[in-house]
Amino acid sequence: MDNIVDSLSNAYQEFVAAAANILEAKESCSAQKTLATDAALENFKQKWELFRVACDQAEEFVESVKQRIGSECLVDEATGSVVGKSGVGIGIGPAATTGLPAISAVRLEQMSKTVRWLVLELQHGSSGSSAGSAAHSHTPGAPFDARFSEDSAQ
C-alpha cells in the first residue's frame, strides 16, 4: 500500500511541476507559442497520463481491499464466527440468532465466485439473449447451478 501511495504522490508532484513549467514557459515567451512551450505542453500531457495511471492503480487497490473486507465479513457472518457485541460468545452470529444453519466457508466462496462470474458475464454482454432465456427456462424444482448440489434443495 505504501508503494501505491508513494507512486500516486510522486505522479501528482510531477504533474504539478509540469503545469508550473508550462506557465513559466509561456511567461518567458510573452505568451507566444515557441518550442519551449510546445515541449512543456508535451511534458504536461505525459505527466497527466502518468498521474491518471497512478490514480487508476490506487483506485483498483482500494476496490480490491473493499471486496476482500466485504468477503471476509460475509464469510464470518455466514459461518457464524462473528463475535457478539459484548465480545463474548464466539460462534454467535446470524446463524444462531435467525435460526438459519451456518454455511461452510468453502460453500460460500463457491457461491460467491459463481455470482461474480455471472456478474462479469452480464457486464461484458457475452451472455446476451442466453441470460434471458436461461432465466425463463429455470423451473422451480431444477437446480440453479449444477455444480452445487445444495441449490436443488432450496
Protein backbone atom coordinates (compact mmCIF):
# COMPACT_ATOMS: atom_id res chain seq x y z
CA MET A 1 0.00 0.00 0.00
CA ASP A 2 2.86 2.37 0.77
CA ASN A 3 4.19 1.87 -2.76
CA ILE A 4 0.85 2.86 -4.24
CA VAL A 5 0.64 5.98 -2.07
CA ASP A 6 4.21 6.93 -2.93
CA SER A 7 3.60 6.34 -6.62
CA LEU A 8 0.46 8.48 -6.55
CA SER A 9 2.20 11.23 -4.61
CA ASN A 10 5.20 11.28 -6.96
CA ALA A 11 2.98 11.31 -10.04
CA TYR A 12 0.98 14.21 -8.58
CA GLN A 13 4.12 16.21 -7.77
CA GLU A 14 5.47 15.66 -11.29
CA PHE A 15 2.09 16.66 -12.76
CA VAL A 16 2.04 19.91 -10.75
CA ALA A 17 5.66 20.65 -11.69
CA ALA A 18 4.81 20.12 -15.37
CA ALA A 19 1.90 22.56 -15.05
CA ALA A 20 4.22 25.11 -13.46
CA ASN A 21 6.71 24.59 -16.32
CA ILE A 22 4.00 25.47 -18.85
CA LEU A 23 3.24 28.72 -17.04
CA GLU A 24 6.93 29.60 -16.80
CA ALA A 25 7.49 28.85 -20.50
CA LYS A 26 4.52 30.99 -21.53
CA GLU A 27 5.58 33.82 -19.25
CA SER A 28 9.14 33.87 -20.57
CA CYS A 29 7.94 33.89 -24.18
CA SER A 30 5.38 36.72 -23.80
CA ALA A 31 2.52 34.28 -24.48
CA GLN A 32 3.91 33.37 -27.92
CA LYS A 33 3.95 29.74 -28.90
CA THR A 34 7.51 28.51 -29.05
CA LEU A 35 9.39 25.26 -28.95
CA ALA A 36 9.76 25.67 -25.19
CA THR A 37 6.00 25.94 -24.66
CA ASP A 38 5.38 23.02 -27.02
CA ALA A 39 7.87 20.90 -25.08
CA ALA A 40 6.33 21.98 -21.78
CA LEU A 41 2.84 21.10 -23.06
CA GLU A 42 4.00 17.70 -24.28
CA ASN A 43 5.67 17.02 -20.94
CA PHE A 44 2.46 18.11 -19.19
CA LYS A 45 0.41 15.64 -21.26
CA GLN A 46 2.81 12.82 -20.39
CA LYS A 47 2.73 13.65 -16.68
CA TRP A 48 -1.08 13.90 -16.80
CA GLU A 49 -1.29 10.39 -18.28
CA LEU A 50 1.12 9.02 -15.68
CA PHE A 51 -0.91 10.66 -12.91
CA ARG A 52 -4.11 9.14 -14.29
CA VAL A 53 -2.49 5.69 -14.38
CA ALA A 54 -1.35 6.10 -10.76
CA CYS A 55 -4.89 7.16 -9.77
CA ASP A 56 -6.37 4.14 -11.56
CA GLN A 57 -3.93 1.80 -9.80
CA ALA A 58 -4.78 3.31 -6.41
CA GLU A 59 -8.50 3.01 -7.15
CA GLU A 60 -8.10 -0.65 -8.18
CA PHE A 61 -6.22 -1.34 -4.95
CA VAL A 62 -8.91 0.32 -2.83
CA GLU A 63 -11.64 -1.63 -4.63
CA SER A 64 -9.81 -4.93 -4.14
CA VAL A 65 -9.40 -4.22 -0.43
CA LYS A 66 -13.08 -3.28 -0.13
CA GLN A 67 -14.06 -6.55 -1.82
CA ARG A 68 -11.72 -8.57 0.37
CA ILE A 69 -13.06 -6.97 3.56
CA GLY A 70 -16.63 -7.45 2.37
CA SER A 71 -15.95 -11.10 1.55
CA GLU A 72 -14.34 -11.72 4.92
CA CYS A 73 -17.28 -10.12 6.73
CA LEU A 74 -19.72 -12.15 4.68
CA VAL A 75 -17.85 -15.37 5.42
CA ASP A 76 -17.73 -14.52 9.13
CA GLU A 77 -21.45 -13.83 9.22
CA ALA A 78 -22.44 -16.84 7.13
CA THR A 79 -20.28 -19.27 9.06
CA GLY A 80 -21.45 -17.93 12.42
CA SER A 81 -17.98 -16.99 13.60
CA VAL A 82 -18.89 -13.37 14.35
CA VAL A 83 -18.21 -12.28 17.91
CA GLY A 84 -21.21 -10.84 19.73
CA LYS A 85 -21.39 -7.13 20.53
CA SER A 86 -20.24 -7.73 24.10
CA GLY A 87 -17.16 -9.56 22.81
CA VAL A 88 -18.33 -12.77 24.46
CA GLY A 89 -19.66 -15.85 22.76
CA ILE A 90 -17.70 -16.73 19.67
CA GLY A 91 -19.97 -18.53 17.30
CA ILE A 92 -22.91 -16.24 17.96
CA GLY A 93 -23.96 -14.70 14.71
CA PRO A 94 -26.82 -14.67 12.24
CA ALA A 95 -26.91 -18.46 12.15
CA ALA A 96 -27.65 -18.58 15.87
CA THR A 97 -29.96 -15.56 16.01
CA THR A 98 -32.04 -16.22 12.88
CA GLY A 99 -32.31 -19.98 13.16
CA LEU A 100 -30.67 -20.43 9.74
CA PRO A 101 -27.96 -23.06 9.50
CA ALA A 102 -24.39 -21.82 9.09
CA ILE A 103 -22.86 -22.16 5.64
CA SER A 104 -19.40 -23.61 5.23
CA ALA A 105 -16.79 -21.12 4.15
CA VAL A 106 -15.89 -23.28 1.14
CA ARG A 107 -19.53 -23.38 0.01
CA LEU A 108 -19.87 -19.64 0.47
CA GLU A 109 -16.73 -18.99 -1.55
CA GLN A 110 -18.02 -21.23 -4.36
CA MET A 111 -21.31 -19.34 -4.44
CA SER A 112 -19.52 -16.01 -4.34
CA LYS A 113 -17.30 -16.97 -7.28
CA THR A 114 -20.33 -18.11 -9.26
CA VAL A 115 -22.11 -14.83 -8.62
CA ARG A 116 -19.01 -12.82 -9.58
CA TRP A 117 -18.64 -14.87 -12.76
CA LEU A 118 -22.28 -14.28 -13.69
CA VAL A 119 -21.99 -10.55 -12.98
CA LEU A 120 -18.88 -10.28 -15.16
CA GLU A 121 -20.59 -12.24 -17.91
CA LEU A 122 -23.59 -9.93 -17.79
CA GLN A 123 -21.41 -6.79 -17.68
CA HIS A 124 -19.47 -7.88 -20.75
CA GLY A 125 -22.66 -8.77 -22.58
CA SER A 126 -21.33 -12.17 -23.52
CA SER A 127 -24.46 -13.85 -22.23
CA GLY A 128 -26.71 -11.66 -24.40
CA SER A 129 -30.02 -13.32 -25.05
CA SER A 130 -28.90 -16.57 -23.44
CA ALA A 131 -29.20 -14.97 -19.99
CA GLY A 132 -32.79 -14.03 -20.64
CA SER A 133 -33.69 -17.44 -21.98
CA ALA A 134 -31.88 -19.17 -19.13
CA ALA A 135 -33.86 -17.14 -16.60
CA HIS A 136 -37.13 -18.05 -18.28
CA SER A 137 -36.26 -21.71 -18.69
CA HIS A 138 -35.45 -22.18 -14.98
CA THR A 139 -38.03 -24.35 -13.31
CA PRO A 140 -38.67 -24.22 -9.56
CA GLY A 141 -37.55 -27.82 -8.98
CA ALA A 142 -34.38 -27.59 -11.12
CA PRO A 143 -31.05 -26.63 -9.55
CA PHE A 144 -29.81 -23.11 -10.27
CA ASP A 145 -26.25 -24.31 -10.74
CA ALA A 146 -25.47 -27.98 -11.17
CA ARG A 147 -22.08 -27.53 -9.50
CA PHE A 148 -23.80 -27.01 -6.16
CA SER A 149 -25.96 -29.89 -5.10
CA GLU A 150 -27.48 -27.88 -2.25
CA ASP A 151 -29.11 -25.49 -4.75
CA SER A 152 -31.65 -28.14 -5.76
CA ALA A 153 -32.82 -28.41 -2.14
CA GLN A 154 -33.63 -24.69 -1.92
